Amino acid sequence: MRSKVLWFSAGFSVGAAIGLIVAPKSGAEARRYIADRTGSGRALLASSGKDFLEKTRDLYQKGCELADEAAEMFDEGRRIVEG
């Protein structure tokens, strides 16, 4: 367990360092960009909440279908191995 925490910490540190080195914007610019993007997302939700809900339902349904297909493939693989 301790080694997993150590590896996670090392990976996090390396990722953060790389992010700081290659960051294309300063902190203030990045915050402004994020605020603008979330503002446009809020506007999209407010203007077309119905479309958003339909897209969300479609994505959920597709995810359920993929999960069902994966379960079927897993069961088939198990039958082949046991068979």
N, C-alpha and C. Protein backbone atom coordinates (compact mmCIF):
# COMPACT_ATOMS: atom_id res chain seq x y z
N MET A 1 0.83 -1.19 0.00
CA MET A 1 0.00 0.00 0.00
C MET A 1 0.87 1.25 0.00
N ARG A 2 1.92 1.20 0.81
CA ARG A 2 2.80 2.37 0.92
C ARG A 2 3.48 2.67 -0.42
N SER A 3 3.86 1.61 -1.15
CA SER A 3 4.52 1.84 -2.44
C SER A 3 3.54 2.45 -3.45
N LYS A 4 2.26 2.07 -3.36
CA LYS A 4 1.27 2.66 -4.27
C LYS A 4 1.12 4.16 -4.01
N VAL A 5 1.09 4.53 -2.75
CA VAL A 5 1.00 5.94 -2.39
C VAL A 5 2.23 6.69 -2.88
N LEU A 6 3.38 6.07 -2.73
CA LEU A 6 4.63 6.68 -3.18
C LEU A 6 4.61 6.88 -4.70
N TRP A 7 4.19 5.86 -5.44
CA TRP A 7 4.14 5.98 -6.89
C TRP A 7 3.11 7.02 -7.32
N PHE A 8 1.96 7.04 -6.64
CA PHE A 8 0.95 8.05 -6.95
C PHE A 8 1.51 9.45 -6.73
N SER A 9 2.16 9.66 -5.59
CA SER A 9 2.74 10.96 -5.27
C SER A 9 3.80 11.36 -6.30
N ALA A 10 4.63 10.41 -6.69
CA ALA A 10 5.65 10.71 -7.69
C ALA A 10 5.01 11.08 -9.03
N GLY A 11 4.02 10.32 -9.43
CA GLY A 11 3.33 10.61 -10.70
C GLY A 11 2.64 11.95 -10.66
N PHE A 12 1.98 12.24 -9.55
CA PHE A 12 1.31 13.52 -9.40
C PHE A 12 2.32 14.66 -9.47
N SER A 13 3.43 14.53 -8.80
CA SER A 13 4.46 15.58 -8.79
C SER A 13 5.03 15.81 -10.18
N VAL A 14 5.33 14.73 -10.88
CA VAL A 14 5.87 14.85 -12.24
C VAL A 14 4.84 15.51 -13.15
N GLY A 15 3.58 15.08 -13.05
CA GLY A 15 2.52 15.67 -13.87
C GLY A 15 2.33 17.15 -13.59
N ALA A 16 2.35 17.52 -12.32
CA ALA A 16 2.21 18.93 -11.95
C ALA A 16 3.38 19.75 -12.48
N ALA A 17 4.58 19.21 -12.36
CA ALA A 17 5.77 19.93 -12.85
C ALA A 17 5.69 20.13 -14.36
N ILE A 18 5.32 19.08 -15.07
CA ILE A 18 5.20 19.20 -16.53
C ILE A 18 4.12 20.21 -16.89
N GLY A 19 3.00 20.16 -16.16
CA GLY A 19 1.93 21.12 -16.41
C GLY A 19 2.38 22.55 -16.21
N LEU A 20 3.17 22.79 -15.18
CA LEU A 20 3.67 24.15 -14.94
C LEU A 20 4.65 24.59 -16.02
N ILE A 21 5.45 23.66 -16.49
CA ILE A 21 6.46 24.00 -17.49
C ILE A 21 5.82 24.32 -18.84
N VAL A 22 4.85 23.52 -19.24
CA VAL A 22 4.28 23.68 -20.58
C VAL A 22 2.97 24.46 -20.59
N ALA A 23 2.57 25.01 -19.45
CA ALA A 23 1.32 25.76 -19.39
C ALA A 23 1.38 26.94 -20.36
N PRO A 24 0.40 27.03 -21.27
CA PRO A 24 0.42 28.09 -22.27
C PRO A 24 -0.05 29.44 -21.73
N LYS A 25 -0.66 29.48 -20.55
CA LYS A 25 -1.22 30.72 -20.04
C LYS A 25 -0.77 30.94 -18.61
N SER A 26 -0.77 32.20 -18.21
CA SER A 26 -0.48 32.51 -16.81
C SER A 26 -1.69 32.12 -15.97
N GLY A 27 -1.55 32.17 -14.66
CA GLY A 27 -2.65 31.81 -13.78
C GLY A 27 -3.89 32.66 -14.00
N ALA A 28 -3.70 33.98 -14.12
CA ALA A 28 -4.84 34.88 -14.33
C ALA A 28 -5.51 34.59 -15.67
N GLU A 29 -4.72 34.37 -16.69
CA GLU A 29 -5.30 34.06 -18.01
C GLU A 29 -6.05 32.74 -17.98
N ALA A 30 -5.48 31.75 -17.29
CA ALA A 30 -6.13 30.44 -17.21
C ALA A 30 -7.46 30.55 -16.46
N ARG A 31 -7.49 31.30 -15.36
CA ARG A 31 -8.73 31.48 -14.61
C ARG A 31 -9.78 32.19 -15.46
N ARG A 32 -9.37 33.20 -16.21
CA ARG A 32 -10.29 33.92 -17.09
C ARG A 32 -10.85 32.98 -18.16
N TYR A 33 -9.97 32.15 -18.74
CA TYR A 33 -10.39 31.19 -19.76
C TYR A 33 -11.41 30.21 -19.19
N ILE A 34 -11.13 29.68 -18.00
CA ILE A 34 -12.05 28.73 -17.37
C ILE A 34 -13.39 29.40 -17.07
N ALA A 35 -13.35 30.62 -16.57
CA ALA A 35 -14.59 31.34 -16.27
C ALA A 35 -15.40 31.58 -17.54
N ASP A 36 -14.74 31.95 -18.62
CA ASP A 36 -15.44 32.15 -19.89
C ASP A 36 -16.07 30.86 -20.39
N ARG A 37 -15.31 29.77 -20.31
CA ARG A 37 -15.82 28.47 -20.79
C ARG A 37 -17.01 27.99 -19.96
N THR A 38 -16.91 28.12 -18.64
CA THR A 38 -18.03 27.68 -17.80
C THR A 38 -19.24 28.59 -17.99
N GLY A 39 -18.98 29.87 -18.23
CA GLY A 39 -20.09 30.79 -18.50
C GLY A 39 -20.82 30.42 -19.76
N SER A 40 -20.08 30.06 -20.81
CA SER A 40 -20.73 29.66 -22.06
C SER A 40 -21.47 28.33 -21.88
N GLY A 41 -20.94 27.46 -21.03
CA GLY A 41 -21.64 26.20 -20.74
C GLY A 41 -22.94 26.44 -20.01
N ARG A 42 -22.91 27.38 -19.05
CA ARG A 42 -24.14 27.73 -18.34
C ARG A 42 -25.16 28.32 -19.30
N ALA A 43 -24.70 29.18 -20.20
CA ALA A 43 -25.61 29.78 -21.17
C ALA A 43 -26.23 28.71 -22.07
N LEU A 44 -25.44 27.73 -22.48
CA LEU A 44 -25.95 26.64 -23.30
C LEU A 44 -27.02 25.86 -22.55
N LEU A 45 -26.76 25.57 -21.29
CA LEU A 45 -27.75 24.85 -20.49
C LEU A 45 -29.03 25.66 -20.33
N ALA A 46 -28.89 26.96 -20.10
CA ALA A 46 -30.06 27.80 -19.90
C ALA A 46 -30.87 27.93 -21.18
N SER A 47 -30.20 28.03 -22.31
CA SER A 47 -30.91 28.25 -23.57
C SER A 47 -31.48 26.97 -24.15
N SER A 48 -30.82 25.86 -23.91
CA SER A 48 -31.28 24.62 -24.54
C SER A 48 -31.24 23.47 -23.55
N GLY A 49 -31.84 23.68 -22.40
CA GLY A 49 -31.85 22.64 -21.38
C GLY A 49 -32.47 21.35 -21.88
N LYS A 50 -33.50 21.46 -22.70
CA LYS A 50 -34.17 20.28 -23.24
C LYS A 50 -33.22 19.49 -24.13
N ASP A 51 -32.49 20.18 -25.01
CA ASP A 51 -31.52 19.50 -25.87
C ASP A 51 -30.44 18.82 -25.04
N PHE A 52 -30.00 19.51 -24.00
CA PHE A 52 -28.97 18.94 -23.13
C PHE A 52 -29.47 17.66 -22.47
N LEU A 53 -30.69 17.70 -21.96
CA LEU A 53 -31.26 16.52 -21.31
C LEU A 53 -31.41 15.37 -22.30
N GLU A 54 -31.82 15.67 -23.51
CA GLU A 54 -31.95 14.61 -24.53
C GLU A 54 -30.59 14.00 -24.85
N LYS A 55 -29.58 14.84 -25.01
CA LYS A 55 -28.25 14.34 -25.29
C LYS A 55 -27.73 13.50 -24.12
N THR A 56 -28.01 13.96 -22.90
CA THR A 56 -27.58 13.21 -21.72
C THR A 56 -28.25 11.85 -21.68
N ARG A 57 -29.55 11.82 -21.95
CA ARG A 57 -30.27 10.53 -21.97
C ARG A 57 -29.71 9.62 -23.05
N ASP A 58 -29.43 10.18 -24.23
CA ASP A 58 -28.87 9.38 -25.32
C ASP A 58 -27.52 8.78 -24.92
N LEU A 59 -26.66 9.60 -24.31
CA LEU A 59 -25.35 9.11 -23.87
C LEU A 59 -25.49 8.04 -22.80
N TYR A 60 -26.43 8.23 -21.89
CA TYR A 60 -26.66 7.25 -20.84
C TYR A 60 -27.13 5.93 -21.45
N GLN A 61 -28.07 6.02 -22.39
CA GLN A 61 -28.59 4.82 -23.05
C GLN A 61 -27.47 4.09 -23.79
N LYS A 62 -26.63 4.83 -24.50
CA LYS A 62 -25.51 4.22 -25.22
C LYS A 62 -24.56 3.55 -24.24
N GLY A 63 -24.30 4.19 -23.11
CA GLY A 63 -23.44 3.60 -22.09
C GLY A 63 -24.03 2.30 -21.55
N CYS A 64 -25.34 2.29 -21.34
CA CYS A 64 -26.00 1.06 -20.87
C CYS A 64 -25.88 -0.05 -21.90
N GLU A 65 -26.07 0.30 -23.18
CA GLU A 65 -25.95 -0.70 -24.24
C GLU A 65 -24.53 -1.26 -24.30
N LEU A 66 -23.53 -0.39 -24.19
CA LEU A 66 -22.14 -0.85 -24.20
C LEU A 66 -21.84 -1.75 -23.01
N ALA A 67 -22.39 -1.39 -21.85
CA ALA A 67 -22.18 -2.22 -20.65
C ALA A 67 -22.81 -3.60 -20.84
N ASP A 68 -24.01 -3.63 -21.42
CA ASP A 68 -24.67 -4.91 -21.68
C ASP A 68 -23.86 -5.77 -22.65
N GLU A 69 -23.37 -5.13 -23.72
CA GLU A 69 -22.56 -5.87 -24.69
C GLU A 69 -21.28 -6.40 -24.05
N ALA A 70 -20.66 -5.60 -23.21
CA ALA A 70 -19.44 -6.04 -22.53
C ALA A 70 -19.73 -7.22 -21.61
N ALA A 71 -20.86 -7.18 -20.91
CA ALA A 71 -21.24 -8.28 -20.02
C ALA A 71 -21.48 -9.56 -20.82
N GLU A 72 -22.13 -9.43 -21.98
CA GLU A 72 -22.38 -10.59 -22.83
C GLU A 72 -21.06 -11.18 -23.34
N MET A 73 -20.14 -10.31 -23.74
CA MET A 73 -18.85 -10.78 -24.23
C MET A 73 -18.07 -11.47 -23.11
N PHE A 74 -18.16 -10.94 -21.92
CA PHE A 74 -17.48 -11.54 -20.77
C PHE A 74 -18.05 -12.93 -20.50
N ASP A 75 -19.39 -13.02 -20.50
CA ASP A 75 -20.03 -14.31 -20.25
C ASP A 75 -19.66 -15.32 -21.34
N GLU A 76 -19.63 -14.87 -22.58
CA GLU A 76 -19.26 -15.77 -23.67
C GLU A 76 -17.82 -16.24 -23.52
N GLY A 77 -16.94 -15.34 -23.15
CA GLY A 77 -15.54 -15.71 -22.93
C GLY A 77 -15.41 -16.72 -21.80
N ARG A 78 -16.17 -16.52 -20.76
CA ARG A 78 -16.13 -17.45 -19.63
C ARG A 78 -16.63 -18.84 -20.06
N ARG A 79 -17.70 -18.87 -20.87
CA ARG A 79 -18.20 -20.16 -21.36
C ARG A 79 -17.18 -20.86 -22.22
N ILE A 80 -16.46 -20.10 -23.05
CA ILE A 80 -15.44 -20.68 -23.93
C ILE A 80 -14.31 -21.27 -23.09
N VAL A 81 -13.87 -20.53 -22.07
CA VAL A 81 -12.77 -21.00 -21.22
C VAL A 81 -13.20 -22.22 -20.42
N GLU A 82 -14.40 -22.19 -19.89
CA GLU A 82 -14.88 -23.32 -19.09
C GLU A 82 -15.26 -24.52 -19.94
N GLY A 83 -15.61 -24.24 -21.22
CA GLY A 83 -16.20 -25.25 -22.10
C GLY A 83 -15.35 -26.32 -22.60
